[in-house]
Protein backbone atom coordinates (compact mmCIF):
# COMPACT_ATOMS: atom_id res chain seq x y z
CA MET A 1 -9.88 -11.62 16.85
CA SER A 2 -12.33 -14.47 17.51
CA ARG A 3 -13.43 -14.43 13.85
CA HIS A 4 -9.79 -14.91 12.87
CA VAL A 5 -9.40 -17.82 15.30
CA ASP A 6 -12.62 -19.41 14.02
CA ARG A 7 -11.37 -19.13 10.45
CA MET A 8 -8.12 -20.85 11.38
CA SER A 9 -9.99 -23.93 12.54
CA THR A 10 -11.93 -24.44 9.32
CA TYR A 11 -9.24 -25.94 7.11
CA ASP A 12 -7.54 -29.33 7.12
CA VAL A 13 -4.85 -28.93 4.46
CA VAL A 14 -2.52 -26.12 3.40
CA VAL A 15 -1.12 -26.05 -0.14
CA ARG A 16 1.75 -23.63 -0.74
CA VAL A 17 2.89 -23.34 -4.37
CA ARG A 18 5.65 -21.12 -5.69
CA GLU A 19 4.54 -18.89 -8.57
CA ASP A 20 6.82 -20.60 -11.11
CA VAL A 21 5.46 -24.14 -10.63
CA GLY A 22 3.25 -26.12 -12.96
CA PHE A 23 1.79 -29.55 -12.21
CA LEU A 24 1.72 -32.13 -15.00
CA GLU A 25 -1.20 -34.03 -13.54
CA ALA A 26 -4.00 -33.51 -11.04
CA ILE A 27 -3.31 -34.10 -7.37
CA ASP A 28 -5.56 -36.62 -5.65
CA MET A 29 -6.55 -34.44 -2.71
CA ASP A 30 -8.65 -37.21 -1.14
CA GLN A 31 -5.47 -39.32 -0.89
CA VAL A 32 -3.49 -36.32 0.40
CA VAL A 33 -6.04 -35.70 3.16
CA GLN A 34 -5.92 -39.38 4.16
CA ASP A 35 -2.11 -39.39 4.22
CA LEU A 36 -1.94 -36.20 6.27
CA SER A 37 -4.52 -37.49 8.73
CA ARG A 38 -2.24 -40.50 9.34
CA ASP A 39 0.80 -38.23 9.82
CA PRO A 40 -0.09 -34.63 10.72
CA THR A 41 3.62 -33.77 10.98
CA ALA A 42 4.20 -34.57 7.29
CA LEU A 43 5.29 -31.97 4.76
CA LEU A 44 4.51 -33.47 1.35
CA SER A 45 6.98 -32.28 -1.27
CA ASN A 46 8.44 -33.43 -4.56
CA GLY A 47 11.90 -33.64 -3.02
CA CYS A 48 14.78 -31.95 -4.76
CA ARG A 49 16.79 -32.96 -7.78
CA SER A 50 20.00 -33.09 -5.79
CA GLU A 51 19.00 -35.51 -3.10
CA TYR A 52 21.91 -34.93 -0.70
CA GLN A 53 21.42 -38.45 0.62
CA GLY A 54 17.80 -37.63 1.42
CA THR A 55 18.57 -34.44 3.33
CA GLY A 56 17.18 -31.79 0.98
CA MET A 57 13.74 -30.27 0.46
CA ASN A 58 12.73 -28.29 -2.60
CA ASP A 59 10.74 -25.13 -1.91
CA LYS A 60 8.64 -25.34 -5.09
CA PHE A 61 5.61 -26.44 -3.14
CA ALA A 62 4.46 -28.25 -0.04
CA ILE A 63 1.19 -29.74 1.13
CA LEU A 64 0.72 -29.99 4.86
CA SER A 65 -1.81 -30.31 7.65
CA ARG A 66 -3.11 -27.48 9.80
CA HIS A 67 -0.94 -28.93 12.60
CA ALA A 68 2.24 -28.28 10.57
CA ALA A 69 1.24 -24.89 9.13
CA ARG A 70 2.64 -22.55 11.78
CA PRO A 71 6.08 -24.19 11.97
CA TYR A 72 6.22 -24.53 8.17
CA PHE A 73 5.73 -20.81 7.62
CA THR A 74 7.70 -19.45 10.59
CA LEU A 75 10.61 -21.78 11.39
CA PRO A 76 12.98 -20.97 8.50
CA PHE A 77 12.95 -17.25 9.32
CA HIS A 78 12.96 -17.76 13.08
CA ASN A 79 15.90 -20.18 13.00
CA MET A 80 17.87 -18.06 10.57
CA TYR A 81 18.02 -15.27 13.13
CA THR A 82 18.11 -17.22 16.38
CA SER A 83 20.24 -20.32 15.73
CA PRO A 84 23.72 -20.76 14.29
CA ILE A 85 23.68 -22.25 10.80
CA ASP A 86 25.55 -25.54 10.66
CA ASP A 87 28.48 -25.78 8.22
CA ARG A 88 26.67 -28.65 6.44
CA MET A 89 23.99 -26.21 5.26
CA LYS A 90 25.43 -25.62 1.79
CA ASN A 91 22.18 -24.42 0.18
CA THR A 92 18.54 -23.61 0.85
CA GLU A 93 17.34 -27.17 0.15
CA ARG A 94 19.43 -28.56 2.99
CA TYR A 95 18.68 -25.66 5.32
CA THR A 96 14.93 -26.03 4.73
CA TYR A 97 15.03 -29.79 5.31
CA TRP A 98 17.15 -29.43 8.45
CA THR A 99 14.91 -26.68 9.86
CA TYR A 100 11.74 -28.76 9.55
CA THR A 101 13.10 -32.13 10.60
CA ASN A 102 14.88 -30.70 13.65
CA ASP A 103 11.50 -29.42 14.83
CA GLY A 104 9.87 -32.85 14.47
CA LEU A 105 8.21 -32.39 11.09
CA ASN A 106 8.43 -35.24 8.61
CA VAL A 107 9.55 -34.24 5.08
CA VAL A 108 7.96 -36.74 2.68
CA ARG A 109 8.93 -37.02 -0.97
CA TYR A 110 5.44 -37.64 -2.23
CA ASP A 111 5.57 -39.92 -5.27
CA ALA A 112 2.09 -38.89 -6.44
CA ILE A 113 3.35 -35.36 -7.14
CA ARG A 114 6.85 -35.90 -8.47
CA ASP A 115 6.05 -34.35 -11.84
CA VAL A 116 6.17 -30.59 -11.42
CA VAL A 117 7.78 -28.22 -13.88
CA LYS A 118 9.26 -24.75 -13.66
CA LEU A 119 7.39 -22.07 -15.57
CA VAL A 120 8.75 -18.72 -16.75
CA VAL A 121 7.15 -15.60 -18.18
CA ASN A 122 8.75 -14.30 -21.38
CA ALA A 123 9.17 -10.66 -22.40
CA ASP A 124 5.69 -10.70 -24.00
CA GLY A 125 4.06 -11.83 -20.74
CA GLU A 126 3.42 -15.38 -21.96
CA THR A 127 3.86 -18.26 -19.52
CA MET A 128 6.17 -20.93 -20.90
CA LEU A 129 8.07 -24.00 -19.75
CA PHE A 130 11.58 -23.27 -18.52
CA HIS A 131 13.74 -24.70 -21.33
CA GLN A 132 15.36 -27.39 -19.15
CA GLU A 133 11.93 -28.80 -18.27
CA ARG A 134 11.19 -30.07 -21.78
CA LYS A 135 12.80 -33.45 -21.14
CA LYS A 136 10.68 -33.98 -18.04
CA LEU A 137 7.51 -33.15 -19.97
CA ALA A 138 8.57 -35.39 -22.85
CA LYS A 139 9.15 -38.28 -20.44
CA GLN A 140 5.67 -37.74 -19.00
CA CYS A 141 4.25 -37.91 -22.55
CA ASN A 142 6.42 -40.92 -23.48
CA VAL A 143 8.34 -39.13 -26.26
CA GLU A 144 12.08 -38.77 -26.72
CA VAL A 145 13.84 -35.40 -26.89
CA LEU A 146 16.87 -35.55 -29.16
CA ASP A 147 17.95 -31.90 -28.85
CA ASP A 148 17.01 -29.76 -25.84
CA SER A 149 19.19 -26.83 -26.77
CA VAL A 150 17.85 -23.31 -27.08
CA PRO A 151 18.61 -21.60 -30.39
CA GLY A 152 21.08 -18.79 -29.85
């Protein structure tokens, strides 16, 4: 047990990434550590495409401090079974945001990591961009996409 407790005190930052996420550029972890040291209640995220007036959090990934780790990983499940779900919780993005902010965590749409893409694995086991992500990648590369349709 003490070895487990000792191990818990050896990290400063937790990075949780969903398996279908790709980053278009490197994350400046030195800057992340500085930002989290200023606000240990912060959950750094890329936001969600449907902003819901700033009340949504995408679950693609989050970067957080050790201070925020336990509530980040346990609160959504705990609250789902112990608290009534408000009628305004129309989807998981709003529920996730509401869960964390009601517990005093600060959901931050981190501009330095806005450019993430969804990846998929095709029938041959190859990892590819989800077809709707091509425009985002093209914007990152400063090229225009004239037709983003998938041949049928």
